């Protein structure tokens, strides 16, 4: 097992690619546009008399802080051509006033620098400093993590050899605290809570702007690699563990098509159709498909299904997935594949570590009612949301529509056993159902204890 961490990189320095279906909700725009402090009033430096009489010229670079109200503090000479000019330069800048700068939508303190020139003849004083003495913000150093994030690898995903990745955005405050944690992308909902919990435990040495500790937008990529492949083994067992296989013709072997088989990357878990679960109907389905050299499943063909709902659920789930593509001679290649999934009912005796879906099927079959979100200790809070994609084969019609999906949020905050309540088009309902399975919530609590709750969620569609 490997967990690869990229710690605290600047927001503009990372490119990351993941499942195209996973798009978090947009954040609100900042109320104020970004800007740097602007001089409101200034006082020219007083030329030291003895240096002026001697015809000595020079310059001083001054560091200072402009706070969120525009006041100047922490003024010091950072370097100078002649130390005898420094006192005059510091006294000058200490009397300046500014319109405060704006960062992250708020007025903020900033570390500044200005170079003051002492030359003869002295320039005439104006309303603003001369162009060669315009103050500007200092460049920032990055915040530094005191330790990397250390997320726990979910046991069920590791057992299935499911690898994945996440990218997390957050802000490191001037005191080193982390705020505004937000997932930018993630390949499987099972990684959501471990990633967020790990990032929120991190501690930082804050970013600096001159002498000032400042806020810094940060981004950490985190990659989970479940492969236990030893050197000399041909491939990890991930495909077989999850019911996938490279499809070969008679007399053909997998190595004829690829020397490195594809891997699951962002494939949703298959949700048991609720009606079949309640009625006690198990089943299975098999789908043939072509995996492109970009890792996209195409030309899906339902080969067999013990009931229509099992086949349709497998087709819809696969259509929302992406893979790491197969490799042949060092390049990506397309390969034919198949997927067989068994929809198994819970065993007669519940195991101690029973999966959440199996436990909930058992609850529903017993006739026990699962309550709504009314009366929870706190409103439901989504940690990760996914927009339902518009069905491509409806795009030409230009029609808008909607769907409503009911599901159970389990005690871990994961969505289980979704069903379509209503939809203006069947395909809208199916797309909404798959999107809903990817949502993750803070665990619902009632009386201080985690509970399962039943929720209905509307989705809107426009081409």
Protein backbone atom coordinates (compact mmCIF):
# COMPACT_ATOMS: atom_id res chain seq x y z
CA UNK A 1 0.00 0.00 0.00
CA UNK A 2 1.26 3.48 -0.87
CA UNK A 3 -0.09 6.92 -0.14
CA UNK A 4 1.69 9.56 -2.19
CA UNK A 5 1.49 13.09 -0.86
CA UNK A 6 2.17 16.35 -2.63
CA UNK A 7 2.22 18.86 0.18
CA UNK A 8 1.03 22.43 0.00
CA UNK A 9 1.77 23.64 -3.48
CA UNK A 10 0.72 27.06 -4.74
CA UNK A 11 -2.63 27.21 -6.48
CA UNK A 12 -1.19 27.98 -9.91
CA UNK A 13 1.51 25.31 -9.90
CA UNK A 14 -0.48 22.08 -10.22
CA UNK A 15 -2.30 20.39 -13.06
CA UNK A 16 -4.46 17.41 -12.12
CA UNK A 17 -6.67 15.14 -14.21
CA UNK A 18 -9.38 12.88 -12.80
CA UNK A 19 -12.87 11.59 -13.49
CA UNK A 20 -14.75 13.97 -15.76
CA UNK A 21 -18.05 13.26 -14.03
CA UNK A 22 -16.91 14.59 -10.66
CA UNK A 23 -17.60 18.32 -10.57
CA UNK A 24 -18.04 20.01 -7.18
CA UNK A 25 -20.48 22.85 -6.81
CA UNK A 26 -19.14 26.30 -7.72
CA UNK A 27 -18.10 28.60 -4.90
CA UNK A 28 -19.40 32.13 -4.46
CA UNK A 29 -17.38 34.92 -6.04
CA UNK A 30 -15.33 37.19 -3.77
CA UNK A 31 -17.13 40.40 -2.80
CA UNK A 32 -14.11 42.66 -3.42
CA UNK A 33 -11.70 42.50 -6.38
CA UNK A 34 -8.05 41.72 -5.66
CA UNK A 35 -5.89 44.84 -5.29
CA UNK A 36 -2.65 46.00 -3.71
CA UNK A 37 -2.37 48.91 -1.24
CA UNK A 38 -2.39 52.34 -2.89
CA UNK A 39 -0.73 55.45 -1.48
CA UNK A 40 -3.23 57.97 -0.15
CA UNK A 41 -0.79 60.48 1.42
CA UNK A 42 2.97 60.50 1.57
CA UNK A 43 5.77 62.53 3.12
CA UNK A 44 9.02 62.94 1.18
CA UNK A 45 12.18 61.97 3.07
CA UNK A 46 14.20 64.78 4.60
CA UNK A 47 17.66 64.87 3.00
CA UNK A 48 20.27 64.72 5.82
CA UNK A 49 21.89 68.18 5.84
CA UNK A 50 25.49 67.02 6.14
CA UNK A 51 25.07 64.57 3.24
CA UNK A 52 23.34 67.19 1.12
CA UNK A 53 26.09 69.71 1.72
CA UNK A 54 28.73 67.10 0.84
CA UNK A 55 26.84 66.18 -2.35
CA UNK A 56 26.39 62.55 -1.25
CA UNK A 57 23.55 60.68 -3.01
CA UNK A 58 22.12 57.24 -2.33
CA UNK A 59 19.06 55.09 -1.88
CA UNK A 60 17.33 53.05 0.82
CA UNK A 61 14.99 50.07 0.40
CA UNK A 62 12.38 50.14 3.14
CA UNK A 63 10.20 47.20 4.25
CA UNK A 64 6.93 47.92 6.05
CA UNK A 65 3.43 46.59 6.66
CA UNK A 66 0.17 48.16 5.53
CA UNK A 67 -2.64 46.77 7.68
CA UNK A 68 -6.25 46.13 6.70
CA UNK A 69 -7.13 49.74 7.60
CA UNK A 70 -4.33 51.26 5.54
CA UNK A 71 -2.08 52.14 8.48
CA UNK A 72 1.69 51.67 8.26
CA UNK A 73 3.71 49.72 10.85
CA UNK A 74 6.91 47.70 11.32
CA UNK A 75 8.91 50.11 9.16
CA UNK A 76 12.59 49.19 8.77
CA UNK A 77 15.47 49.81 6.38
CA UNK A 78 16.15 46.55 4.57
CA UNK A 79 19.24 47.72 2.69
CA UNK A 80 20.89 51.01 1.74
CA UNK A 81 23.77 52.43 -0.24
CA UNK A 82 24.74 54.50 2.81
CA UNK A 83 23.41 53.79 6.34
CA UNK A 84 23.28 57.52 7.06
CA UNK A 85 20.17 57.79 4.84
CA UNK A 86 18.23 55.07 6.68
CA UNK A 87 16.78 57.12 9.55
CA UNK A 88 15.32 59.71 7.16
CA UNK A 89 13.83 56.99 4.96
CA UNK A 90 12.18 55.18 7.88
CA UNK A 91 10.78 58.42 9.32
CA UNK A 92 9.33 59.28 5.91
CA UNK A 93 7.52 55.99 5.29
CA UNK A 94 6.21 55.86 8.87
CA UNK A 95 4.04 58.89 8.06
CA UNK A 96 2.45 57.53 4.87
CA UNK A 97 -1.16 56.37 4.66
CA UNK A 98 -2.76 53.91 2.25
CA UNK A 99 -5.98 52.52 0.91
CA UNK A 100 -5.71 48.92 2.12
CA UNK A 101 -5.20 46.08 -0.33
CA UNK A 102 -7.70 43.28 -0.95
CA UNK A 103 -6.92 39.58 -0.93
CA UNK A 104 -9.32 36.60 -1.04
CA UNK A 105 -12.23 39.03 -1.17
CA UNK A 106 -11.31 40.88 2.03
CA UNK A 107 -9.17 43.86 3.00
CA UNK A 108 -5.92 42.38 4.26
CA UNK A 109 -2.57 43.37 5.73
CA UNK A 110 0.31 43.15 3.24
CA UNK A 111 4.10 43.32 3.45
CA UNK A 112 5.40 46.16 1.26
CA UNK A 113 8.65 47.53 -0.09
CA UNK A 114 9.66 50.94 -1.45
CA UNK A 115 12.96 52.31 -2.67
CA UNK A 116 13.60 55.92 -1.71
CA UNK A 117 16.21 57.85 -3.69
CA UNK A 118 18.30 60.68 -2.30
CA UNK A 119 19.64 62.65 -5.27
CA UNK A 120 20.56 66.18 -6.15
CA UNK A 121 18.99 68.43 -7.11
CA UNK A 122 16.06 67.22 -4.99
CA UNK A 123 12.87 66.56 -7.02
CA UNK A 124 9.82 68.67 -6.31
CA UNK A 125 7.32 67.08 -3.94
CA UNK A 126 4.10 65.93 -5.63
CA UNK A 127 0.81 64.41 -4.58
CA UNK A 128 2.27 60.93 -5.03
CA UNK A 129 5.77 59.49 -4.77
CA UNK A 130 7.81 59.66 -7.99
CA UNK A 131 7.59 56.64 -10.29
CA UNK A 132 10.93 55.27 -9.14
CA UNK A 133 9.68 55.32 -5.53
CA UNK A 134 6.33 53.57 -5.95
CA UNK A 135 5.68 51.04 -3.16
CA UNK A 136 4.75 47.49 -4.13
CA UNK A 137 3.82 44.25 -2.30
CA UNK A 138 6.69 41.92 -1.52
CA UNK A 139 6.72 38.45 -3.01
CA UNK A 140 5.49 35.69 -0.73
CA UNK A 141 7.18 32.57 0.49
CA UNK A 142 4.98 29.46 0.56
CA UNK A 143 3.49 28.15 3.74
CA UNK A 144 5.34 25.02 4.80
CA UNK A 145 3.72 21.90 6.20
CA UNK A 146 5.23 20.78 9.49
CA UNK A 147 4.17 17.25 8.52
CA UNK A 148 2.45 15.78 5.43
CA UNK A 149 -1.20 14.68 5.54
CA UNK A 150 -1.56 11.07 6.66
CA UNK A 151 -4.96 9.78 5.51
CA UNK A 152 -6.13 6.30 6.46
CA UNK A 153 -6.60 3.99 3.47
CA UNK A 154 -10.24 2.75 3.59
CA UNK A 155 -10.11 -0.98 4.33
CA UNK A 156 -12.81 -1.94 1.82
CA UNK A 157 -11.12 -0.07 -1.03
CA UNK A 158 -7.72 -1.51 -0.17
CA UNK A 159 -9.19 -5.02 -0.14
CA UNK A 160 -10.49 -4.40 -3.68
CA UNK A 161 -7.14 -2.83 -4.70
CA UNK A 162 -8.90 0.42 -5.61
CA UNK A 163 -6.34 3.15 -6.20
CA UNK A 164 -7.30 6.80 -6.48
CA UNK A 165 -6.42 10.41 -5.91
CA UNK A 166 -7.70 13.64 -4.45
CA UNK A 167 -6.87 17.32 -4.68
CA UNK A 168 -7.70 19.51 -1.69
CA UNK A 169 -7.77 23.31 -1.59
CA UNK A 170 -7.46 25.20 1.69
CA UNK A 171 -6.16 28.40 3.27
CA UNK A 172 -3.29 28.58 5.74
CA UNK A 173 -3.96 31.47 8.11
CA UNK A 174 -1.20 33.76 9.48
CA UNK A 175 -1.16 31.75 12.73
CA UNK A 176 -0.72 28.45 10.85
CA UNK A 177 -4.32 27.28 11.22
CA UNK A 178 -6.12 25.72 8.24
CA UNK A 179 -9.48 27.10 7.11
CA UNK A 180 -11.70 26.81 4.05
CA UNK A 181 -10.90 23.15 3.36
CA UNK A 182 -12.58 22.11 0.10
CA UNK A 183 -12.21 19.09 -2.13
CA UNK A 184 -11.40 20.10 -5.67
CA UNK A 185 -11.45 16.60 -7.10
CA UNK A 186 -11.57 13.00 -5.91
CA UNK A 187 -11.85 9.68 -7.68
CA UNK A 188 -13.95 7.67 -5.21
CA UNK A 189 -16.36 8.78 -2.46
CA UNK A 190 -14.70 6.35 -0.05
CA UNK A 191 -11.63 8.58 0.03
CA UNK A 192 -13.52 11.77 0.94
CA UNK A 193 -13.62 11.61 4.71
CA UNK A 194 -10.10 10.19 5.22
CA UNK A 195 -8.63 12.94 3.02
CA UNK A 196 -10.52 15.79 4.69
CA UNK A 197 -9.75 14.47 8.18
CA UNK A 198 -6.04 14.18 7.36
CA UNK A 199 -5.77 17.69 5.89
CA UNK A 200 -7.58 19.28 8.83
CA UNK A 201 -5.01 17.76 11.23
CA UNK A 202 -2.04 19.27 9.40
CA UNK A 203 -0.03 22.09 10.97
CA UNK A 204 1.88 24.74 9.05
CA UNK A 205 4.55 27.36 9.28
CA UNK A 206 2.64 30.24 7.67
CA UNK A 207 3.56 32.03 4.47
CA UNK A 208 5.61 35.20 4.80
CA UNK A 209 5.52 38.49 2.94
CA UNK A 210 8.58 40.29 4.19
CA UNK A 211 8.19 40.49 7.97
CA UNK A 212 4.47 39.72 7.84
CA UNK A 213 2.84 36.31 8.26
CA UNK A 214 0.04 36.17 5.66
CA UNK A 215 -2.81 33.99 4.48
CA UNK A 216 -1.97 31.61 1.66
CA UNK A 217 -4.18 29.61 -0.68
CA UNK A 218 -2.80 26.11 -0.88
CA UNK A 219 -3.45 22.87 -2.72
CA UNK A 220 -2.38 19.34 -1.81
CA UNK A 221 -2.60 16.40 -4.22
CA UNK A 222 -2.93 13.02 -2.50
CA UNK A 223 -2.69 9.71 -4.34
CA UNK A 224 -3.71 6.32 -2.96
CA UNK A 225 -1.99 3.34 -4.57
CA UNK A 226 -3.33 -0.01 -3.37
CA UNK A 227 -1.19 -2.26 -5.55
CA UNK A 228 0.68 -4.97 -3.66
CA UNK A 229 2.37 -6.20 -6.82
CA UNK A 230 5.85 -7.60 -6.23
CA UNK A 231 8.67 -7.26 -8.72
CA UNK A 232 8.30 -10.07 -11.21
CA UNK A 233 4.52 -10.34 -10.91
CA UNK A 234 2.72 -9.63 -14.13
CA UNK A 235 -0.07 -7.42 -12.78
CA UNK A 236 -1.99 -6.61 -9.62
CA UNK A 237 -5.27 -8.51 -9.20
CA UNK A 238 -7.40 -5.38 -9.23
CA UNK A 239 -9.45 -6.14 -12.36
CA UNK A 240 -10.33 -9.69 -11.28
CA UNK A 241 -11.16 -8.59 -7.74
CA UNK A 242 -13.79 -6.22 -9.13
CA UNK A 243 -15.24 -8.49 -11.83
CA UNK A 244 -13.40 -6.98 -14.82
CA UNK A 245 -11.29 -8.74 -17.44
CA UNK A 246 -9.58 -7.95 -20.73
CA UNK A 247 -11.64 -9.79 -23.35
CA UNK A 248 -9.63 -12.03 -25.68
CA UNK A 249 -10.52 -13.97 -28.81
CA UNK A 250 -9.99 -17.72 -29.24
CA UNK A 251 -6.29 -18.55 -29.17
CA UNK A 252 -5.42 -15.05 -27.98
CA UNK A 253 -3.84 -14.12 -24.66
CA UNK A 254 -4.08 -10.87 -22.73
CA UNK A 255 -0.37 -10.15 -23.35
CA UNK A 256 -1.11 -10.07 -27.09
CA UNK A 257 -3.30 -7.00 -26.49
CA UNK A 258 -1.38 -5.24 -23.70
CA UNK A 259 1.65 -5.77 -21.54
CA UNK A 260 0.09 -3.69 -18.74
CA UNK A 261 -3.68 -4.09 -18.27
CA UNK A 262 -5.94 -1.14 -17.45
CA UNK A 263 -6.82 -0.21 -13.88
CA UNK A 264 -9.98 1.14 -12.31
CA UNK A 265 -9.54 4.83 -11.57
CA UNK A 266 -12.87 6.56 -11.09
CA UNK A 267 -15.60 3.93 -11.37
CA UNK A 268 -18.63 4.35 -9.06
CA UNK A 269 -19.67 1.50 -6.81
CA UNK A 270 -22.65 -0.43 -8.15
CA UNK A 271 -25.74 0.28 -6.05
CA UNK A 272 -28.13 -2.66 -5.51
CA UNK A 273 -31.55 -1.78 -7.05
CA UNK A 274 -33.66 -1.06 -3.99
CA UNK A 275 -36.86 -2.75 -5.14
CA UNK A 276 -34.99 -5.97 -5.88
CA UNK A 277 -33.21 -5.79 -2.53
CA UNK A 278 -36.45 -5.37 -0.57
CA UNK A 279 -38.07 -8.22 -2.50
CA UNK A 280 -35.09 -10.47 -1.82
CA UNK A 281 -34.04 -10.89 -5.45
CA UNK A 282 -30.35 -11.46 -6.06
CA UNK A 283 -28.90 -11.42 -9.58
CA UNK A 284 -26.00 -10.66 -11.86
CA UNK A 285 -25.21 -8.97 -15.15
CA UNK A 286 -22.38 -8.94 -17.71
CA UNK A 287 -21.41 -6.06 -19.99
CA UNK A 288 -18.96 -6.06 -22.91
CA UNK A 289 -17.27 -2.76 -23.78
CA UNK A 290 -14.28 -1.21 -25.49
CA UNK A 291 -11.84 0.75 -23.36
CA UNK A 292 -10.24 3.56 -25.36
CA UNK A 293 -6.60 4.56 -25.19
CA UNK A 294 -7.76 7.46 -22.98
CA UNK A 295 -9.40 5.13 -20.46
CA UNK A 296 -13.02 5.80 -21.45
CA UNK A 297 -15.53 2.92 -21.80
CA UNK A 298 -17.31 2.94 -25.17
CA UNK A 299 -19.65 0.69 -27.18
CA UNK A 300 -21.30 -0.77 -24.09
CA UNK A 301 -23.23 -3.96 -24.79
CA UNK A 302 -25.36 -5.79 -22.23
CA UNK A 303 -24.58 -9.48 -22.75
CA UNK A 304 -26.65 -11.02 -20.00
CA UNK A 305 -28.70 -10.03 -16.97
CA UNK A 306 -30.85 -12.07 -14.61
CA UNK A 307 -33.30 -9.13 -14.52
CA UNK A 308 -33.52 -5.89 -16.55
CA UNK A 309 -32.84 -3.63 -13.56
CA UNK A 310 -29.53 -5.38 -12.83
CA UNK A 311 -28.34 -4.96 -16.41
CA UNK A 312 -29.38 -1.33 -16.63
CA UNK A 313 -27.72 -0.47 -13.31
CA UNK A 314 -24.44 -2.01 -14.44
CA UNK A 315 -24.57 -0.21 -17.79
CA UNK A 316 -25.28 3.17 -16.17
CA UNK A 317 -22.53 2.73 -13.58
CA UNK A 318 -19.93 1.77 -16.19
CA UNK A 319 -20.85 4.72 -18.43
CA UNK A 320 -19.88 7.09 -15.59
CA UNK A 321 -16.47 5.50 -15.05
CA UNK A 322 -12.90 6.15 -16.16
CA UNK A 323 -9.84 3.89 -16.11
CA UNK A 324 -6.10 4.14 -16.31
CA UNK A 325 -5.68 2.86 -19.87
CA UNK A 326 -3.89 -0.32 -20.94
CA UNK A 327 -0.28 -0.06 -22.12
CA UNK A 328 1.53 -1.84 -24.94
CA UNK A 329 5.17 -1.22 -25.80
CA UNK A 330 5.21 1.95 -23.71
CA UNK A 331 2.10 3.59 -25.15
CA UNK A 332 -1.60 3.58 -24.27
CA UNK A 333 -3.81 1.26 -26.31
CA UNK A 334 -7.50 0.45 -26.64
CA UNK A 335 -8.60 -2.99 -25.42
CA UNK A 336 -11.88 -4.95 -25.42
CA UNK A 337 -13.15 -5.69 -21.90
CA UNK A 338 -15.98 -7.26 -19.98
CA UNK A 339 -17.50 -6.70 -16.55
CA UNK A 340 -19.56 -9.18 -14.57
CA UNK A 341 -21.14 -8.00 -11.33
CA UNK A 342 -23.01 -10.15 -8.82
CA UNK A 343 -25.81 -8.47 -6.88
CA UNK A 344 -25.64 -10.56 -3.70
CA UNK A 345 -28.10 -10.39 -0.83
CA UNK A 346 -26.79 -10.29 2.75
CA UNK A 347 -25.81 -13.59 4.31
CA UNK A 348 -28.22 -15.19 6.77
CA UNK A 349 -25.97 -14.30 9.69
CA UNK A 350 -24.66 -10.76 9.74
CA UNK A 351 -20.85 -10.71 9.97
CA UNK A 352 -19.25 -8.41 12.50
CA UNK A 353 -17.82 -6.13 9.80
CA UNK A 354 -20.89 -6.22 7.54
CA UNK A 355 -20.84 -3.71 4.68
CA UNK A 356 -23.19 -0.74 5.05
CA UNK A 357 -25.27 -1.63 1.97
CA UNK A 358 -25.83 -5.20 3.20
CA UNK A 359 -26.81 -3.93 6.65
CA UNK A 360 -29.32 -1.49 5.17
CA UNK A 361 -30.81 -4.16 2.89
CA UNK A 362 -31.31 -6.25 6.02
CA UNK A 363 -33.00 -3.31 7.76
CA UNK A 364 -35.35 -2.61 4.82
CA UNK A 365 -36.28 -6.27 4.42
CA UNK A 366 -37.18 -6.45 8.12
CA UNK A 367 -39.76 -3.72 7.59
CA UNK A 368 -38.01 -1.31 9.94
CA UNK A 369 -38.63 2.29 8.90
CA UNK A 370 -35.64 4.55 8.31
CA UNK A 371 -36.31 8.09 9.51
CA UNK A 372 -35.93 11.35 7.63
CA UNK A 373 -33.46 14.13 8.39
CA UNK A 374 -35.98 15.90 10.61
CA UNK A 375 -34.74 16.26 14.17
CA UNK A 376 -31.06 15.69 13.48
CA UNK A 377 -28.54 17.37 15.76
CA UNK A 378 -27.40 19.50 12.79
CA UNK A 379 -28.56 20.02 9.20
CA UNK A 380 -27.14 17.61 6.66
CA UNK A 381 -23.84 18.89 5.30
CA UNK A 382 -22.50 17.58 1.97
CA UNK A 383 -18.72 17.12 1.90
CA UNK A 384 -18.64 16.22 -1.79
CA UNK A 385 -21.29 16.85 -4.43
CA UNK A 386 -21.48 15.71 -8.02
CA UNK A 387 -23.60 17.24 -10.76
CA UNK A 388 -25.58 14.79 -12.87
CA UNK A 389 -24.31 14.88 -16.48
CA UNK A 390 -26.79 15.67 -19.23
CA UNK A 391 -27.43 12.47 -21.27
CA UNK A 392 -25.58 12.87 -24.57
CA UNK A 393 -28.25 11.17 -26.68
CA UNK A 394 -30.84 13.73 -25.46
CA UNK A 395 -28.67 16.75 -26.28
CA UNK A 396 -29.98 17.09 -29.84
CA UNK A 397 -33.54 17.44 -28.51
CA UNK A 398 -32.54 20.50 -26.48
CA UNK A 399 -35.01 19.56 -23.77
CA UNK A 400 -34.66 20.53 -20.14
CA UNK A 401 -35.94 18.37 -17.34
CA UNK A 402 -35.66 17.19 -13.78
CA UNK A 403 -35.44 14.11 -11.63
CA UNK A 404 -35.87 13.34 -7.95
CA UNK A 405 -33.85 10.63 -6.26
CA UNK A 406 -34.45 9.10 -2.84
CA UNK A 407 -31.55 7.47 -1.01
CA UNK A 408 -30.30 6.54 2.43
CA UNK A 409 -27.37 8.37 4.00
CA UNK A 410 -25.70 5.78 6.19
CA UNK A 411 -23.99 6.31 9.52
CA UNK A 412 -20.69 7.08 7.73
CA UNK A 413 -22.26 9.75 5.51
CA UNK A 414 -22.25 7.62 2.33
CA UNK A 415 -25.22 7.40 -0.05
CA UNK A 416 -26.78 3.92 -0.25
CA UNK A 417 -29.62 2.20 -2.13
CA UNK A 418 -30.81 5.12 -4.28
CA UNK A 419 -34.05 4.94 -6.27
CA UNK A 420 -35.65 7.29 -8.76
CA UNK A 421 -38.86 8.81 -7.38
CA UNK A 422 -39.76 10.82 -10.49
CA UNK A 423 -38.17 12.02 -13.72
CA UNK A 424 -39.38 13.95 -16.75
CA UNK A 425 -37.24 11.58 -18.86
CA UNK A 426 -36.13 8.09 -17.85
CA UNK A 427 -32.52 8.92 -18.76
CA UNK A 428 -32.58 11.97 -16.51
CA UNK A 429 -33.57 9.73 -13.63
CA UNK A 430 -30.81 7.22 -14.34
CA UNK A 431 -28.16 9.94 -14.62
CA UNK A 432 -29.33 11.54 -11.36
CA UNK A 433 -29.24 8.20 -9.56
CA UNK A 434 -25.62 7.51 -10.49
CA UNK A 435 -24.59 11.06 -9.53
CA UNK A 436 -26.31 10.70 -6.15
CA UNK A 437 -24.26 7.59 -5.32
CA UNK A 438 -21.11 9.76 -5.41
CA UNK A 439 -22.30 12.30 -2.84
CA UNK A 440 -20.77 12.20 0.64
CA UNK A 441 -22.14 13.88 3.78
CA UNK A 442 -21.01 14.54 7.30
CA UNK A 443 -22.38 11.55 9.26
CA UNK A 444 -25.96 12.33 10.33
CA UNK A 445 -26.28 12.49 14.12
CA UNK A 446 -29.31 12.27 16.37
CA UNK A 447 -28.86 12.54 20.13
CA UNK A 448 -25.11 12.44 19.65
CA UNK A 449 -25.18 9.09 17.84
CA UNK A 450 -24.74 8.38 14.11
CA UNK A 451 -27.94 7.29 12.38
CA UNK A 452 -29.21 6.33 8.93
CA UNK A 453 -31.57 8.83 7.31
CA UNK A 454 -33.78 8.80 4.24
CA UNK A 455 -33.43 11.81 1.92
CA UNK A 456 -34.90 13.02 -1.38
CA UNK A 457 -32.78 15.16 -3.67
CA UNK A 458 -33.87 17.03 -6.83
CA UNK A 459 -31.66 17.31 -9.93
CA UNK A 460 -32.16 19.76 -12.78
CA UNK A 461 -31.04 19.13 -16.36
CA UNK A 462 -30.36 21.57 -19.19
CA UNK A 463 -28.45 20.86 -22.41
